[in-house]
N, C-alpha and C. Protein backbone atom coordinates (compact mmCIF):
# COMPACT_ATOMS: atom_id res chain seq x y z
N MET A 1 160.72 86.43 229.68
CA MET A 1 161.27 85.27 230.31
C MET A 1 160.27 84.12 230.30
N ARG A 2 160.78 82.92 230.03
CA ARG A 2 159.91 81.75 230.02
C ARG A 2 159.57 81.30 231.44
N PRO A 3 158.38 80.79 231.63
CA PRO A 3 158.07 80.24 232.95
C PRO A 3 158.88 78.96 233.17
N GLN A 4 159.34 78.78 234.39
CA GLN A 4 160.15 77.61 234.69
C GLN A 4 159.27 76.38 234.81
N ARG A 5 159.78 75.29 234.28
CA ARG A 5 159.08 74.02 234.43
C ARG A 5 159.50 73.37 235.73
N ARG A 6 158.58 72.67 236.32
CA ARG A 6 158.98 71.94 237.52
C ARG A 6 159.62 70.62 237.10
N PRO A 7 160.56 70.13 237.85
CA PRO A 7 161.25 68.90 237.46
C PRO A 7 160.30 67.71 237.51
N LEU A 8 160.53 66.79 236.59
CA LEU A 8 159.70 65.59 236.52
C LEU A 8 160.04 64.66 237.67
N LYS A 9 159.02 64.05 238.23
CA LYS A 9 159.24 63.08 239.29
C LYS A 9 159.67 61.77 238.66
N PRO A 10 160.57 61.04 239.31
CA PRO A 10 160.90 59.73 238.77
C PRO A 10 159.69 58.80 238.88
N MET A 11 159.51 57.96 237.88
CA MET A 11 158.33 57.10 237.85
C MET A 11 158.41 55.99 238.88
N PHE A 12 159.60 55.51 239.17
CA PHE A 12 159.75 54.44 240.14
C PHE A 12 161.14 54.54 240.76
N ARG A 13 161.28 53.91 241.87
CA ARG A 13 162.56 53.88 242.56
C ARG A 13 163.09 52.45 242.55
N PRO A 14 164.39 52.29 242.68
CA PRO A 14 164.92 50.93 242.73
C PRO A 14 164.33 50.16 243.91
N VAL A 15 164.06 48.90 243.67
CA VAL A 15 163.43 48.07 244.70
C VAL A 15 164.41 47.80 245.83
N SER A 16 165.62 47.38 245.49
CA SER A 16 166.60 47.11 246.52
C SER A 16 167.97 47.53 246.00
N LYS A 17 168.87 47.78 246.92
CA LYS A 17 170.21 48.21 246.55
C LYS A 17 171.12 47.04 246.22
N THR A 18 170.76 45.87 246.68
CA THR A 18 171.61 44.70 246.44
C THR A 18 170.94 43.76 245.46
N CYS A 19 171.75 43.11 244.68
CA CYS A 19 171.26 42.17 243.67
C CYS A 19 170.87 40.85 244.33
N TYR A 20 169.73 40.30 243.95
CA TYR A 20 169.26 39.03 244.51
C TYR A 20 170.23 37.91 244.21
N PHE A 21 170.73 37.84 242.99
CA PHE A 21 171.61 36.75 242.60
C PHE A 21 173.01 36.89 243.21
N CYS A 22 173.48 38.12 243.42
CA CYS A 22 174.78 38.31 244.10
C CYS A 22 174.68 37.90 245.56
N ASP A 23 173.56 38.20 246.20
CA ASP A 23 173.39 37.84 247.60
C ASP A 23 173.35 36.33 247.80
N ASN A 24 172.66 35.63 246.90
CA ASN A 24 172.49 34.17 247.05
C ASN A 24 173.60 33.38 246.39
N LYS A 25 174.54 34.04 245.75
CA LYS A 25 175.69 33.39 245.10
C LYS A 25 175.24 32.35 244.07
N ASN A 26 174.19 32.69 243.31
CA ASN A 26 173.77 31.81 242.23
C ASN A 26 173.47 32.64 241.00
N ASP A 27 173.05 32.00 239.95
CA ASP A 27 172.80 32.65 238.68
C ASP A 27 171.39 32.34 238.20
N ALA A 28 170.86 33.14 237.31
CA ALA A 28 169.54 32.90 236.75
C ALA A 28 169.61 31.66 235.86
N PHE A 29 168.62 30.78 236.03
CA PHE A 29 168.57 29.54 235.26
C PHE A 29 167.18 29.41 234.68
N TYR A 30 167.06 28.96 233.44
CA TYR A 30 165.78 28.99 232.75
C TYR A 30 164.74 28.07 233.36
N ARG A 31 165.15 27.08 234.14
CA ARG A 31 164.18 26.17 234.76
C ARG A 31 163.58 26.73 236.04
N ASP A 32 164.17 27.77 236.62
CA ASP A 32 163.65 28.38 237.84
C ASP A 32 162.56 29.39 237.48
N VAL A 33 161.41 28.89 237.11
CA VAL A 33 160.34 29.74 236.61
C VAL A 33 159.80 30.65 237.71
N ASP A 34 159.77 30.16 238.95
CA ASP A 34 159.26 30.99 240.05
C ASP A 34 160.13 32.22 240.26
N ILE A 35 161.43 32.06 240.20
CA ILE A 35 162.34 33.19 240.38
C ILE A 35 162.27 34.13 239.18
N LEU A 36 162.23 33.56 237.98
CA LEU A 36 162.20 34.40 236.78
C LEU A 36 160.91 35.20 236.68
N SER A 37 159.81 34.62 237.12
CA SER A 37 158.54 35.33 237.01
C SER A 37 158.47 36.53 237.94
N LYS A 38 159.33 36.60 238.97
CA LYS A 38 159.37 37.78 239.82
C LYS A 38 159.88 39.00 239.06
N TYR A 39 160.64 38.80 238.00
CA TYR A 39 161.24 39.89 237.24
C TYR A 39 160.49 40.19 235.95
N LEU A 40 159.25 39.72 235.86
CA LEU A 40 158.37 40.03 234.74
C LEU A 40 157.23 40.91 235.22
N THR A 41 156.74 41.78 234.36
CA THR A 41 155.59 42.59 234.71
C THR A 41 154.33 41.75 234.58
N GLU A 42 153.19 42.33 234.93
CA GLU A 42 151.94 41.58 234.83
C GLU A 42 151.57 41.31 233.37
N ARG A 43 152.18 42.04 232.44
CA ARG A 43 151.94 41.81 231.02
C ARG A 43 152.94 40.83 230.40
N GLY A 44 153.93 40.38 231.18
CA GLY A 44 154.89 39.41 230.70
C GLY A 44 156.17 40.02 230.16
N LYS A 45 156.37 41.31 230.37
CA LYS A 45 157.59 41.97 229.88
C LYS A 45 158.67 41.94 230.96
N LEU A 46 159.92 42.02 230.52
CA LEU A 46 161.03 42.06 231.45
C LEU A 46 161.09 43.40 232.16
N MET A 47 161.34 43.37 233.46
CA MET A 47 161.52 44.62 234.21
C MET A 47 162.91 45.16 233.95
N GLY A 48 163.05 46.46 234.01
CA GLY A 48 164.34 47.09 233.87
C GLY A 48 165.19 46.87 235.12
N ALA A 49 166.47 47.14 234.99
CA ALA A 49 167.39 46.92 236.11
C ALA A 49 167.09 47.86 237.27
N ALA A 50 166.64 49.07 236.98
CA ALA A 50 166.34 50.02 238.05
C ALA A 50 165.15 49.56 238.88
N ARG A 51 164.24 48.88 238.24
CA ARG A 51 163.03 48.42 238.94
C ARG A 51 163.23 47.06 239.59
N SER A 52 164.02 46.20 238.98
CA SER A 52 164.21 44.86 239.53
C SER A 52 165.28 44.84 240.62
N GLY A 53 166.21 45.78 240.60
CA GLY A 53 167.25 45.82 241.61
C GLY A 53 168.43 44.90 241.32
N LEU A 54 168.53 44.39 240.10
CA LEU A 54 169.63 43.50 239.74
C LEU A 54 170.83 44.30 239.23
N CYS A 55 172.01 43.73 239.41
CA CYS A 55 173.20 44.35 238.82
C CYS A 55 173.19 44.09 237.31
N SER A 56 174.03 44.76 236.58
CA SER A 56 173.98 44.67 235.12
C SER A 56 174.34 43.27 234.63
N LYS A 57 175.28 42.62 235.30
CA LYS A 57 175.68 41.27 234.90
C LYS A 57 174.50 40.30 235.04
N HIS A 58 173.85 40.33 236.19
CA HIS A 58 172.75 39.40 236.42
C HIS A 58 171.48 39.82 235.69
N GLN A 59 171.34 41.09 235.35
CA GLN A 59 170.21 41.51 234.52
C GLN A 59 170.33 40.87 233.13
N ARG A 60 171.54 40.83 232.58
CA ARG A 60 171.76 40.18 231.28
C ARG A 60 171.51 38.68 231.36
N HIS A 61 171.99 38.04 232.43
CA HIS A 61 171.79 36.60 232.60
C HIS A 61 170.30 36.28 232.77
N MET A 62 169.60 37.13 233.52
CA MET A 62 168.19 36.92 233.74
C MET A 62 167.41 37.08 232.43
N ALA A 63 167.77 38.07 231.62
CA ALA A 63 167.09 38.27 230.34
C ALA A 63 167.29 37.06 229.43
N ARG A 64 168.50 36.54 229.41
CA ARG A 64 168.78 35.36 228.59
C ARG A 64 168.01 34.14 229.09
N ALA A 65 167.92 33.98 230.41
CA ALA A 65 167.20 32.84 230.98
C ALA A 65 165.70 32.94 230.70
N VAL A 66 165.15 34.16 230.75
CA VAL A 66 163.73 34.34 230.45
C VAL A 66 163.46 34.01 228.99
N LYS A 67 164.35 34.43 228.11
CA LYS A 67 164.17 34.11 226.69
C LYS A 67 164.25 32.62 226.44
N GLN A 68 165.15 31.92 227.13
CA GLN A 68 165.24 30.47 226.99
C GLN A 68 163.99 29.79 227.52
N ALA A 69 163.49 30.26 228.67
CA ALA A 69 162.28 29.67 229.26
C ALA A 69 161.07 29.91 228.36
N ARG A 70 161.00 31.05 227.69
CA ARG A 70 159.91 31.30 226.76
C ARG A 70 159.98 30.36 225.57
N THR A 71 161.19 30.14 225.07
CA THR A 71 161.37 29.25 223.93
C THR A 71 160.99 27.81 224.29
N MET A 72 161.32 27.40 225.51
CA MET A 72 161.00 26.04 225.96
C MET A 72 159.52 25.89 226.33
N GLY A 73 158.79 27.00 226.42
CA GLY A 73 157.37 26.95 226.73
C GLY A 73 157.06 27.01 228.21
N MET A 74 158.04 27.37 229.03
CA MET A 74 157.81 27.44 230.47
C MET A 74 157.24 28.79 230.91
N LEU A 75 157.51 29.83 230.14
CA LEU A 75 156.97 31.16 230.40
C LEU A 75 156.24 31.64 229.16
N PRO A 76 155.18 32.43 229.32
CA PRO A 76 154.46 32.93 228.15
C PRO A 76 155.22 34.11 227.51
N PHE A 77 155.05 34.24 226.21
CA PHE A 77 155.60 35.39 225.51
C PHE A 77 154.79 36.63 225.81
N VAL A 78 153.46 36.50 225.77
CA VAL A 78 152.56 37.63 225.99
C VAL A 78 151.46 37.17 226.93
N VAL A 79 151.12 38.02 227.89
CA VAL A 79 149.98 37.76 228.78
C VAL A 79 148.89 38.74 228.40
N ARG A 80 147.77 38.22 227.95
CA ARG A 80 146.69 39.08 227.52
C ARG A 80 145.84 39.51 228.71
N ALA A 81 145.46 40.77 228.69
CA ALA A 81 144.66 41.29 229.84
C ALA A 81 143.19 41.16 229.58
């Protein structure tokens, strides 16, 4: 018989159960750099929906807004450590 493996622990838990944009009745906009930067990691990557706490609709809108802000030069593409 094989030895049983212990189950893997989840790496992170959802930050909040409610979506920030659903609560405030607004949408992600590329000019709101302060709000968009909350959903980026320290390396400049987009956070996943499980970690950011956004619903799937607003996660897509936020990703599009971050990409637009990067193209306009308001957010960096890569943050070097």
